[in-house]
Amino acid sequence: MTTAANTPVEEPTAPSTRPAPAADRREGKDDTTGSYALEARGALRRVAGLGTELADVTEVEYRQLRLERVVLVGVWTEGTQVDADRSLAELAALAETAGSEVLEAVSQRRDKPDAATYVGSGKANEIRDIVAATGADTVICDGELTPGQLNQLEKVLKVKVVDRTALILDIFAQHATSREGKAQVELAQMQYMLPRLRGWGESLSRQAGGRVAGGGGIGTRGPGETKIETDRRRIRTRVSKLRREIAGMATARATQRNSRDRNATPSVAIAGYTNAGKSSLLNQLTGAGVLVENALFATLDPTVRRAEGPDGREYTLTDTVGFVRHLPHQLVDAFRSTLEEVAAADLLLHVVDGSDPDPLGQINAVHVVLQDIDASSVPEVIVVNKVDAMDEESILTLRQALPKAVWVSARTGAGMDELRELIAARLPHPDVDVDVLVPYDRGDLVARVHRDGEVLAEAHEAGGTRLTARVDGALAAALEEFGAPVG
């Protein structure tokens, strides 16, 4: 297992007096590799550098008053130790975003998580000692715990235990601002909470009844209905109500999309890993002025803005919620109506943080979510952001892996002109050529051709504005009385 703090990395402490197998002693074999692998599997190993640094007295006082003190726990079953440490580092960033002070981080190598306690009973006792020594009040596990694992771990550790899913849900709850966002987060929380309800004590046998019985009164009585059953019923009722509300909001969002479709306005969706710089990119392309924050999941509510390409055509840009590895399926389900903006787009700008230690891992994680929301068929442009924070070696390595990517810095504006040109080239183009003479009193049609079509030539004549342009079928029909399609 592995622990992260601001202390030097300690070597795995496995028994050094264990005798080598008799056959190996006879043959004089060097069993170093096998012994080390065995020790690594059984050791609790500290990962340095994940403790939260406190900058000044004011921050210390604030954290003592407000922040939970947490120990991180991970179990890695595949990949390398570097991958495991990277996952714990991301968990630490999530914990700090949620408002926690990270004291230690521990990880263990296992074939699969322990069915009872996630880490095994022996390691659970070791973690209990770490919790007691550091004064932590919460343990966060880097995975989704079953209700049984959650219950058993809390019994052993004697502190609150949460998993990665609950942590991400908590961050979403803190950042949701719109009515739709709050409803989506609440729905995800309810779906997560339902199988994890626990009664008072071990019996779960508190009867619900009238006021004499201390129960919930009318509507909660039943033949032997327990308190936990009442809670489950209330949650299911709330889930049904939230689903209806979100479905109504999805209808309004679909109406807005249909309005843009009728106006033949192409749509571009910005998607990518959380904190990759999507909102900064939106601001650069449109001057939207949306919130930009160096934090995970700073954007939950989609922002739609109009932009204009170098050729004068207008299109919409939509900033969406960021993705993360192992994004809880409850969130994908709850945010499906919002994520439909991505699936319905004409072009997807997939923003990647080039300065991240594992940008290709980010891309794979995003592709998993895109597949879940049926958006994998949308034309995609990889946009490598934060090139100003990358060194030359990283740029060369990533250019080989992503030869068709666009390289930009949303902070400095580098590469933005190239990105605008590429967006204009990749958007769907009108397919009807027209040569029309539009009267001067129909300036609305001229403006519409400029906005939604491609103007090839324009001249002002005595009878009106002569336009040679390429437009879509609907606009061609509106212009039919003033001319005819070319060819």
Protein backbone atom coordinates (compact mmCIF):
# COMPACT_ATOMS: atom_id res chain seq x y z
CA MET A 1 0.00 0.00 0.00
CA THR A 2 1.23 3.59 -0.57
CA THR A 3 1.13 6.74 1.58
CA ALA A 4 1.60 10.33 0.44
CA ALA A 5 2.96 13.01 2.72
CA ASN A 6 5.73 15.57 2.73
CA THR A 7 8.09 13.00 4.17
CA PRO A 8 10.81 11.06 2.33
CA VAL A 9 9.75 7.92 0.55
CA GLU A 10 10.17 4.95 2.86
CA GLU A 11 11.16 1.57 1.53
CA PRO A 12 8.57 -1.21 1.88
CA THR A 13 8.89 -2.75 5.32
CA ALA A 14 8.55 -6.46 4.74
CA PRO A 15 10.28 -9.02 6.97
CA SER A 16 13.95 -9.21 6.02
CA THR A 17 14.58 -12.46 7.87
CA ARG A 18 12.27 -14.60 5.74
CA PRO A 19 14.36 -17.60 4.55
CA ALA A 20 14.73 -18.26 0.85
CA PRO A 21 13.14 -21.44 -0.53
CA ALA A 22 15.28 -24.51 0.12
CA ALA A 23 15.73 -25.25 -3.60
CA ASP A 24 17.01 -21.75 -4.23
CA ARG A 25 19.45 -21.94 -1.32
CA ARG A 26 20.83 -25.20 -2.66
CA GLU A 27 21.28 -23.82 -6.17
CA GLY A 28 22.60 -20.45 -4.96
CA LYS A 29 19.89 -18.49 -6.85
CA ASP A 30 19.46 -14.74 -6.38
CA ASP A 31 15.84 -14.34 -5.25
CA THR A 32 16.02 -10.54 -5.00
CA THR A 33 13.44 -9.80 -7.70
CA GLY A 34 10.84 -12.24 -6.45
CA SER A 35 11.29 -11.15 -2.86
CA TYR A 36 10.95 -7.50 -3.79
CA ALA A 37 7.73 -8.16 -5.72
CA LEU A 38 6.34 -10.08 -2.75
CA GLU A 39 7.34 -7.31 -0.35
CA ALA A 40 5.85 -4.62 -2.59
CA ARG A 41 2.53 -6.44 -2.67
CA GLY A 42 2.38 -6.61 1.10
CA ALA A 43 3.82 -3.23 2.00
CA LEU A 44 2.21 0.06 2.90
CA ARG A 45 4.25 2.58 0.92
CA ARG A 46 4.27 6.33 1.38
CA VAL A 47 4.00 8.54 -1.71
CA ALA A 48 5.84 11.80 -1.19
CA GLY A 49 4.58 15.19 -2.24
CA LEU A 50 0.80 14.90 -1.87
CA GLY A 51 0.41 16.65 1.47
CA THR A 52 -1.33 20.02 1.40
CA GLU A 53 1.10 22.86 1.99
CA LEU A 54 -0.13 25.66 4.27
CA ALA A 55 1.15 29.02 3.11
CA ASP A 56 0.59 31.44 6.01
CA VAL A 57 -0.95 31.85 9.42
CA THR A 58 -4.24 33.12 8.02
CA GLU A 59 -4.60 30.04 5.85
CA VAL A 60 -3.65 27.78 8.76
CA GLU A 61 -6.31 29.32 10.96
CA TYR A 62 -8.86 29.06 8.16
CA ARG A 63 -8.09 25.40 7.53
CA GLN A 64 -8.23 24.55 11.22
CA LEU A 65 -11.70 26.05 11.34
CA ARG A 66 -13.14 24.88 8.04
CA LEU A 67 -11.29 22.08 6.28
CA GLU A 68 -11.57 18.34 6.78
CA ARG A 69 -8.28 16.58 7.41
CA VAL A 70 -8.08 13.57 5.14
CA VAL A 71 -6.00 10.48 4.44
CA LEU A 72 -6.14 9.09 0.89
CA VAL A 73 -6.24 5.35 0.24
CA GLY A 74 -5.74 3.67 -3.14
CA VAL A 75 -5.68 0.10 -4.41
CA TRP A 76 -4.09 -0.40 -7.82
CA THR A 77 -4.74 -3.62 -9.66
CA GLU A 78 -3.22 -2.82 -13.06
CA GLY A 79 -0.70 -0.51 -14.67
CA THR A 80 2.54 0.71 -13.12
CA GLN A 81 3.41 2.32 -9.81
CA VAL A 82 3.67 5.64 -11.70
CA ASP A 83 0.07 5.24 -12.87
CA ALA A 84 -1.04 4.48 -9.32
CA ASP A 85 0.77 7.54 -7.91
CA ARG A 86 -0.70 9.72 -10.67
CA SER A 87 -4.21 8.54 -9.80
CA LEU A 88 -3.61 9.36 -6.13
CA ALA A 89 -2.24 12.78 -7.08
CA GLU A 90 -5.46 13.47 -8.98
CA LEU A 91 -7.47 12.28 -5.96
CA ALA A 92 -5.48 14.73 -3.82
CA ALA A 93 -6.36 17.56 -6.21
CA LEU A 94 -10.02 16.54 -6.05
CA ALA A 95 -9.90 16.47 -2.24
CA GLU A 96 -8.37 19.93 -2.08
CA THR A 97 -10.96 21.24 -4.55
CA ALA A 98 -13.64 19.90 -2.20
CA GLY A 99 -12.02 21.86 0.64
CA SER A 100 -9.87 19.29 2.42
CA GLU A 101 -6.38 19.25 3.84
CA VAL A 102 -4.50 16.17 2.62
CA LEU A 103 -2.33 14.68 5.40
CA GLU A 104 -1.27 11.31 3.98
CA ALA A 105 -1.88 9.13 0.93
CA VAL A 106 -1.41 5.38 0.97
CA SER A 107 -1.75 2.80 -1.81
CA GLN A 108 -1.57 -0.97 -2.00
CA ARG A 109 -0.89 -3.39 -4.85
CA ARG A 110 -3.51 -6.14 -5.03
CA ASP A 111 -4.98 -8.45 -7.66
CA LYS A 112 -8.39 -6.98 -6.82
CA PRO A 113 -9.82 -4.88 -3.96
CA ASP A 114 -10.72 -6.82 -0.83
CA ALA A 115 -14.42 -7.66 -0.88
CA ALA A 116 -14.88 -6.83 2.80
CA THR A 117 -12.66 -3.83 3.57
CA TYR A 118 -11.27 -2.74 0.15
CA VAL A 119 -7.68 -2.98 1.44
CA GLY A 120 -7.75 -6.10 3.61
CA SER A 121 -8.12 -6.31 7.39
CA GLY A 122 -4.39 -6.03 8.16
CA LYS A 123 -3.91 -2.91 6.04
CA ALA A 124 -7.12 -1.42 7.43
CA ASN A 125 -5.56 -1.64 10.90
CA GLU A 126 -2.39 0.04 9.63
CA ILE A 127 -4.47 2.84 8.13
CA ARG A 128 -6.30 3.19 11.45
CA ASP A 129 -2.93 3.84 13.11
CA ILE A 130 -2.04 6.45 10.46
CA VAL A 131 -5.40 8.16 10.98
CA ALA A 132 -4.83 8.25 14.73
CA ALA A 133 -1.26 9.54 14.37
CA THR A 134 -2.17 12.34 11.93
CA GLY A 135 -5.42 13.38 13.57
CA ALA A 136 -7.40 12.86 10.35
CA ASP A 137 -11.18 12.89 10.49
CA THR A 138 -11.92 11.47 7.02
CA VAL A 139 -10.53 8.73 4.76
CA ILE A 140 -11.05 8.99 0.98
CA CYS A 141 -10.69 5.83 -1.13
CA ASP A 142 -9.60 6.03 -4.77
CA GLY A 143 -12.41 3.90 -6.16
CA GLU A 144 -16.11 3.28 -5.71
CA LEU A 145 -16.80 1.33 -2.52
CA THR A 146 -19.67 -1.09 -2.12
CA PRO A 147 -22.05 -0.39 0.78
CA GLY A 148 -20.50 -3.33 2.65
CA GLN A 149 -16.92 -2.09 2.18
CA LEU A 150 -17.94 1.39 3.34
CA ASN A 151 -19.59 0.03 6.47
CA GLN A 152 -16.71 -2.30 7.39
CA LEU A 153 -14.02 0.34 6.84
CA GLU A 154 -15.80 2.85 9.06
CA LYS A 155 -16.05 0.23 11.80
CA VAL A 156 -12.31 -0.39 11.66
CA LEU A 157 -11.07 3.17 11.09
CA LYS A 158 -13.53 4.91 13.47
CA VAL A 159 -13.74 7.95 11.12
CA LYS A 160 -15.88 8.95 8.17
CA VAL A 161 -15.04 7.09 4.95
CA VAL A 162 -15.97 8.37 1.47
CA ASP A 163 -15.04 7.09 -1.98
CA ARG A 164 -14.00 8.81 -5.20
CA THR A 165 -17.57 8.92 -6.49
CA ALA A 166 -18.90 10.66 -3.37
CA LEU A 167 -16.00 13.13 -3.52
CA ILE A 168 -16.74 14.12 -7.14
CA LEU A 169 -20.44 14.42 -6.35
CA ASP A 170 -19.58 16.74 -3.45
CA ILE A 171 -17.48 18.98 -5.74
CA PHE A 172 -20.31 19.13 -8.27
CA ALA A 173 -22.74 20.06 -5.49
CA GLN A 174 -20.47 22.95 -4.43
CA HIS A 175 -20.10 24.31 -7.97
CA ALA A 176 -23.64 23.91 -9.35
CA THR A 177 -25.31 27.31 -9.76
CA SER A 178 -28.16 26.98 -12.24
CA ARG A 179 -31.49 25.33 -11.46
CA GLU A 180 -30.76 22.57 -13.98
CA GLY A 181 -27.24 21.98 -12.63
CA LYS A 182 -28.47 21.73 -9.04
CA ALA A 183 -31.21 19.30 -10.04
CA GLN A 184 -28.77 17.13 -11.99
CA VAL A 185 -26.31 16.97 -9.08
CA GLU A 186 -29.07 16.18 -6.58
CA LEU A 187 -30.33 13.38 -8.81
CA ALA A 188 -26.83 11.88 -9.02
CA GLN A 189 -26.41 12.12 -5.24
CA MET A 190 -29.78 10.44 -4.61
CA GLN A 191 -28.93 7.59 -6.99
CA TYR A 192 -25.59 7.12 -5.24
CA MET A 193 -27.10 7.33 -1.76
CA LEU A 194 -30.01 4.94 -2.23
CA PRO A 195 -28.13 1.61 -1.93
CA ARG A 196 -25.91 3.01 0.84
CA LEU A 197 -28.57 3.94 3.37
CA ARG A 198 -27.94 2.53 6.81
CA GLY A 199 -30.25 2.36 9.81
CA TRP A 200 -29.64 3.36 13.40
CA GLY A 201 -27.42 0.73 14.95
CA GLU A 202 -27.37 -2.80 13.58
CA SER A 203 -31.03 -3.78 13.68
CA LEU A 204 -32.62 -1.36 11.17
CA SER A 205 -35.88 -2.16 12.97
CA ARG A 206 -37.20 1.28 13.98
CA GLN A 207 -40.90 1.09 13.23
CA ALA A 208 -42.50 4.08 11.57
CA GLY A 209 -45.90 4.99 13.00
CA GLY A 210 -47.94 7.83 14.40
CA ARG A 211 -46.75 10.54 16.74
CA VAL A 212 -47.05 8.25 19.75
CA ALA A 213 -44.53 5.89 18.19
CA GLY A 214 -42.24 8.78 17.32
CA GLY A 215 -42.56 8.03 13.62
CA GLY A 216 -43.28 10.14 10.56
CA GLY A 217 -47.08 10.13 10.86
CA ILE A 218 -49.57 9.85 8.01
CA GLY A 219 -48.02 8.62 4.79
CA THR A 220 -45.17 6.78 6.49
CA ARG A 221 -47.13 4.07 8.34
CA GLY A 222 -47.20 0.57 7.03
CA PRO A 223 -47.12 -3.07 8.08
CA GLY A 224 -43.69 -3.20 9.66
CA GLU A 225 -42.19 -0.41 7.53
CA THR A 226 -38.83 0.47 9.03
CA LYS A 227 -37.18 3.88 9.12
CA ILE A 228 -34.68 2.88 6.43
CA GLU A 229 -37.50 1.66 4.18
CA THR A 230 -39.26 5.00 4.64
CA ASP A 231 -36.07 6.85 3.71
CA ARG A 232 -35.64 4.71 0.60
CA ARG A 233 -39.22 5.38 -0.46
CA ARG A 234 -38.79 9.12 0.00
CA ILE A 235 -35.56 9.08 -2.02
CA ARG A 236 -37.22 7.14 -4.85
CA THR A 237 -40.07 9.66 -4.86
CA ARG A 238 -37.58 12.53 -4.99
CA VAL A 239 -35.62 10.83 -7.81
CA SER A 240 -38.81 10.49 -9.87
CA LYS A 241 -39.61 14.18 -9.35
CA LEU A 242 -36.07 15.25 -10.30
CA ARG A 243 -36.17 13.14 -13.45
CA ARG A 244 -39.40 14.86 -14.51
CA GLU A 245 -37.93 18.32 -13.83
CA ILE A 246 -34.74 17.57 -15.76
CA ALA A 247 -36.75 16.13 -18.66
CA GLY A 248 -38.67 19.43 -18.83
CA MET A 249 -35.43 21.42 -18.85
CA ALA A 250 -34.05 19.12 -21.55
CA THR A 251 -37.09 19.93 -23.69
CA ALA A 252 -36.36 23.66 -23.37
CA ARG A 253 -32.72 23.05 -24.29
CA ALA A 254 -33.77 20.99 -27.31
CA THR A 255 -36.08 23.83 -28.41
CA GLN A 256 -33.14 26.25 -28.30
CA ARG A 257 -31.05 23.82 -30.36
CA ASN A 258 -33.86 23.42 -32.91
CA SER A 259 -34.08 27.22 -33.20
CA ARG A 260 -30.38 27.39 -34.02
CA ASP A 261 -30.81 24.54 -36.50
CA ARG A 262 -33.64 26.38 -38.29
CA ASN A 263 -31.36 29.37 -38.65
CA ALA A 264 -28.70 27.02 -40.07
CA THR A 265 -26.18 28.15 -37.46
CA PRO A 266 -23.40 25.54 -37.15
CA SER A 267 -22.53 24.47 -33.62
CA VAL A 268 -19.15 23.74 -32.06
CA ALA A 269 -18.84 22.04 -28.66
CA ILE A 270 -15.79 22.41 -26.43
CA ALA A 271 -15.15 19.25 -24.41
CA GLY A 272 -12.22 17.76 -22.58
CA TYR A 273 -10.67 16.83 -19.27
CA THR A 274 -11.43 19.00 -16.27
CA ASN A 275 -9.11 22.01 -15.86
CA ALA A 276 -7.77 21.63 -19.43
CA GLY A 277 -8.59 25.28 -20.22
CA LYS A 278 -11.95 24.96 -22.02
CA SER A 279 -13.45 28.14 -20.56
CA SER A 280 -10.28 30.10 -21.32
CA LEU A 281 -10.48 28.89 -24.91
CA LEU A 282 -14.13 30.01 -25.14
CA ASN A 283 -13.13 33.46 -23.86
CA GLN A 284 -10.35 33.72 -26.45
CA LEU A 285 -12.62 32.74 -29.34
CA THR A 286 -15.69 34.79 -28.36
CA GLY A 287 -14.73 37.27 -25.61
CA ALA A 288 -17.45 35.63 -23.49
CA GLY A 289 -15.91 36.56 -20.14
CA VAL A 290 -17.03 33.33 -18.43
CA LEU A 291 -15.49 32.20 -15.14
CA VAL A 292 -11.94 30.94 -15.49
CA GLU A 293 -10.48 29.26 -12.43
CA ASN A 294 -7.51 26.98 -11.86
CA ALA A 295 -9.69 24.35 -10.20
CA LEU A 296 -11.31 21.05 -11.07
CA PHE A 297 -14.91 21.25 -12.31
CA ALA A 298 -15.06 25.07 -12.22
CA THR A 299 -17.64 24.88 -15.06
CA LEU A 300 -20.78 22.78 -14.60
CA ASP A 301 -23.42 24.76 -16.47
CA PRO A 302 -22.95 24.90 -20.26
CA THR A 303 -22.33 28.33 -21.77
CA VAL A 304 -23.36 29.02 -25.38
CA ARG A 305 -21.87 32.01 -27.23
CA ARG A 306 -21.83 33.15 -30.86
CA ALA A 307 -18.56 33.42 -32.73
CA GLU A 308 -17.59 34.51 -36.23
CA GLY A 309 -15.09 32.75 -38.46
CA PRO A 310 -12.52 34.43 -40.69
CA ASP A 311 -14.94 33.97 -43.62
CA GLY A 312 -17.68 35.91 -41.81
CA ARG A 313 -19.87 32.88 -41.06
CA GLU A 314 -21.40 32.73 -37.59
CA TYR A 315 -21.43 29.63 -35.43
CA THR A 316 -22.16 28.80 -31.80
CA LEU A 317 -19.56 27.69 -29.26
CA THR A 318 -20.66 25.66 -26.24
CA ASP A 319 -18.49 25.24 -23.14
CA THR A 320 -19.36 22.00 -21.33
CA VAL A 321 -18.60 20.28 -18.04
CA GLY A 322 -15.13 18.74 -17.80
CA PHE A 323 -14.58 14.99 -17.66
CA VAL A 324 -12.33 12.98 -15.38
CA ARG A 325 -11.07 9.40 -15.11
CA HIS A 326 -13.73 7.08 -13.71
CA LEU A 327 -16.44 9.76 -13.97
CA PRO A 328 -19.30 8.37 -11.85
CA HIS A 329 -21.99 6.80 -14.00
CA GLN A 330 -24.59 8.56 -11.86
CA LEU A 331 -23.21 11.89 -13.08
CA VAL A 332 -23.14 10.82 -16.73
CA ASP A 333 -26.78 9.76 -16.40
CA ALA A 334 -27.87 12.91 -14.55
CA PHE A 335 -26.00 15.29 -16.88
CA ARG A 336 -27.09 13.49 -20.04
CA SER A 337 -29.42 16.34 -21.10
CA THR A 338 -26.54 18.82 -20.76
CA LEU A 339 -24.06 16.56 -22.51
CA GLU A 340 -26.46 16.23 -25.44
CA GLU A 341 -25.04 19.61 -26.53
CA VAL A 342 -21.86 17.70 -27.37
CA ALA A 343 -23.62 14.86 -29.19
CA ALA A 344 -25.67 17.32 -31.28
CA ALA A 345 -22.71 19.50 -32.31
CA ASP A 346 -21.36 19.77 -35.85
CA LEU A 347 -17.77 19.85 -34.59
CA LEU A 348 -16.07 18.91 -31.33
CA LEU A 349 -13.05 20.78 -30.00
CA HIS A 350 -11.38 18.25 -27.70
CA VAL A 351 -9.17 20.35 -25.42
CA VAL A 352 -6.15 18.62 -23.87
CA ASP A 353 -3.86 20.00 -21.16
CA GLY A 354 -0.46 19.59 -22.82
CA SER A 355 1.36 20.36 -19.55
CA ASP A 356 -0.29 17.43 -17.75
CA PRO A 357 2.00 14.46 -16.99
CA ASP A 358 -0.34 12.11 -18.90
CA PRO A 359 -2.18 13.97 -21.71
CA LEU A 360 -2.84 10.77 -23.67
CA GLY A 361 -4.50 9.27 -20.59
CA GLN A 362 -6.74 12.35 -20.46
CA ILE A 363 -7.72 11.84 -24.09
CA ASN A 364 -8.63 8.19 -23.48
CA ALA A 365 -10.72 9.11 -20.42
CA VAL A 366 -12.66 11.71 -22.43
CA HIS A 367 -13.25 9.26 -25.28
CA VAL A 368 -14.79 6.79 -22.81
CA VAL A 369 -17.35 9.41 -21.71
CA LEU A 370 -18.02 10.53 -25.30
CA GLN A 371 -18.84 6.93 -26.15
CA ASP A 372 -21.22 6.75 -23.17
CA ILE A 373 -23.19 9.77 -24.41
CA ASP A 374 -23.25 8.62 -28.06
CA ALA A 375 -20.99 11.48 -29.19
CA SER A 376 -18.09 9.44 -30.55
CA SER A 377 -19.26 10.01 -34.17
CA VAL A 378 -19.04 13.83 -33.95
CA PRO A 379 -16.11 15.18 -36.04
CA GLU A 380 -13.27 15.93 -33.62
CA VAL A 381 -10.35 18.35 -33.53
CA ILE A 382 -7.71 17.75 -30.84
CA VAL A 383 -6.63 21.11 -29.36
CA VAL A 384 -3.49 20.88 -27.22
CA ASN A 385 -3.69 23.80 -24.79
CA LYS A 386 -1.14 25.34 -22.38
CA VAL A 387 1.79 24.98 -24.78
CA ASP A 388 3.38 27.94 -22.99
CA ALA A 389 3.80 25.66 -19.95
CA MET A 390 5.38 22.77 -21.88
CA ASP A 391 9.07 22.05 -22.44
CA GLU A 392 10.49 21.26 -25.88
CA GLU A 393 10.90 17.53 -25.20
CA SER A 394 7.25 17.15 -24.16
CA ILE A 395 6.10 19.07 -27.24
CA LEU A 396 8.14 16.85 -29.59
CA THR A 397 6.90 13.66 -27.93
CA LEU A 398 3.25 14.74 -28.04
CA ARG A 399 3.50 16.00 -31.64
CA GLN A 400 4.50 12.48 -32.70
CA ALA A 401 1.51 11.00 -30.88
CA LEU A 402 -0.96 13.68 -32.10
CA PRO A 403 0.19 14.72 -35.60
CA LYS A 404 -3.15 16.35 -36.55
CA ALA A 405 -3.63 18.35 -33.35
CA VAL A 406 -3.78 22.15 -33.13
CA TRP A 407 -1.38 23.71 -30.62
CA VAL A 408 -2.57 26.78 -28.71
CA SER A 409 -2.21 28.73 -25.51
CA ALA A 410 -5.52 30.17 -24.32
CA ARG A 411 -3.59 32.27 -21.81
CA THR A 412 -1.27 34.01 -24.31
CA GLY A 413 -3.41 33.68 -27.45
CA ALA A 414 -0.76 31.70 -29.36
CA GLY A 415 -2.16 29.56 -32.16
CA MET A 416 -5.68 31.02 -31.96
CA ASP A 417 -5.71 32.31 -35.56
CA GLU A 418 -4.81 28.84 -36.85
CA LEU A 419 -7.59 27.35 -34.71
CA ARG A 420 -10.16 29.81 -36.10
CA GLU A 421 -9.15 28.93 -39.66
CA LEU A 422 -9.45 25.21 -38.92
CA ILE A 423 -12.90 25.61 -37.35
CA ALA A 424 -14.11 27.51 -40.41
CA ALA A 425 -12.74 24.80 -42.71
CA ARG A 426 -14.19 21.88 -40.72
CA LEU A 427 -17.72 23.25 -40.22
CA PRO A 428 -20.42 22.01 -42.63
CA HIS A 429 -20.73 24.28 -45.65
CA PRO A 430 -23.90 25.33 -47.51
CA ASP A 431 -24.44 23.36 -50.71
CA VAL A 432 -26.66 25.54 -52.98
CA ASP A 433 -25.11 28.22 -55.20
CA VAL A 434 -27.39 31.22 -55.92
CA ASP A 435 -27.16 34.41 -57.98
CA VAL A 436 -29.90 36.79 -56.79
CA LEU A 437 -30.86 40.46 -56.86
CA VAL A 438 -32.29 41.28 -53.42
CA PRO A 439 -34.31 44.54 -53.17
CA TYR A 440 -32.94 47.13 -50.79
CA ASP A 441 -36.03 46.84 -48.57
CA ARG A 442 -35.07 43.18 -47.86
CA GLY A 443 -31.87 43.91 -46.01
CA ASP A 444 -32.83 41.16 -43.58
CA LEU A 445 -32.21 38.56 -46.29
CA VAL A 446 -28.86 40.08 -47.20
CA ALA A 447 -27.83 39.97 -43.53
CA ARG A 448 -29.01 36.35 -43.29
CA VAL A 449 -26.92 35.36 -46.33
CA HIS A 450 -23.87 36.97 -44.73
CA ARG A 451 -24.58 35.26 -41.41
CA ASP A 452 -25.56 31.76 -42.52
CA GLY A 453 -24.06 31.41 -46.01
CA GLU A 454 -20.87 32.08 -47.90
CA VAL A 455 -20.88 35.28 -49.97
CA LEU A 456 -18.77 34.80 -53.11
CA ALA A 457 -19.50 38.20 -54.70
CA GLU A 458 -21.60 41.26 -53.81
CA ALA A 459 -22.51 44.36 -55.84
CA HIS A 460 -24.98 47.22 -55.40
CA GLU A 461 -27.17 47.83 -58.47
CA ALA A 462 -30.14 50.09 -59.19
CA GLY A 463 -32.68 47.42 -58.29
CA GLY A 464 -30.99 46.09 -55.16
CA THR A 465 -28.03 44.07 -53.92
CA ARG A 466 -26.60 41.50 -56.32
CA LEU A 467 -25.38 38.46 -54.37
CA THR A 468 -23.52 35.44 -55.64
CA ALA A 469 -23.41 33.10 -52.68
CA ARG A 470 -23.52 29.55 -51.41
CA VAL A 471 -26.41 28.85 -49.00
CA ASP A 472 -28.36 25.94 -47.53
CA GLY A 473 -31.65 24.65 -48.91
CA ALA A 474 -33.91 26.64 -46.57
CA LEU A 475 -32.23 29.97 -47.34
CA ALA A 476 -32.17 29.14 -51.07
CA ALA A 477 -35.96 28.68 -50.93
CA ALA A 478 -36.36 32.10 -49.25
CA LEU A 479 -34.26 33.71 -52.01
CA GLU A 480 -35.98 31.88 -54.86
CA GLU A 481 -38.27 34.78 -55.84
CA PHE A 482 -35.24 37.06 -56.37
CA GLY A 483 -33.27 34.76 -58.64
CA ALA A 484 -32.49 31.14 -59.28
CA PRO A 485 -29.93 28.58 -58.17
CA VAL A 486 -26.80 28.57 -60.31
CA GLY A 487 -26.38 25.47 -62.43
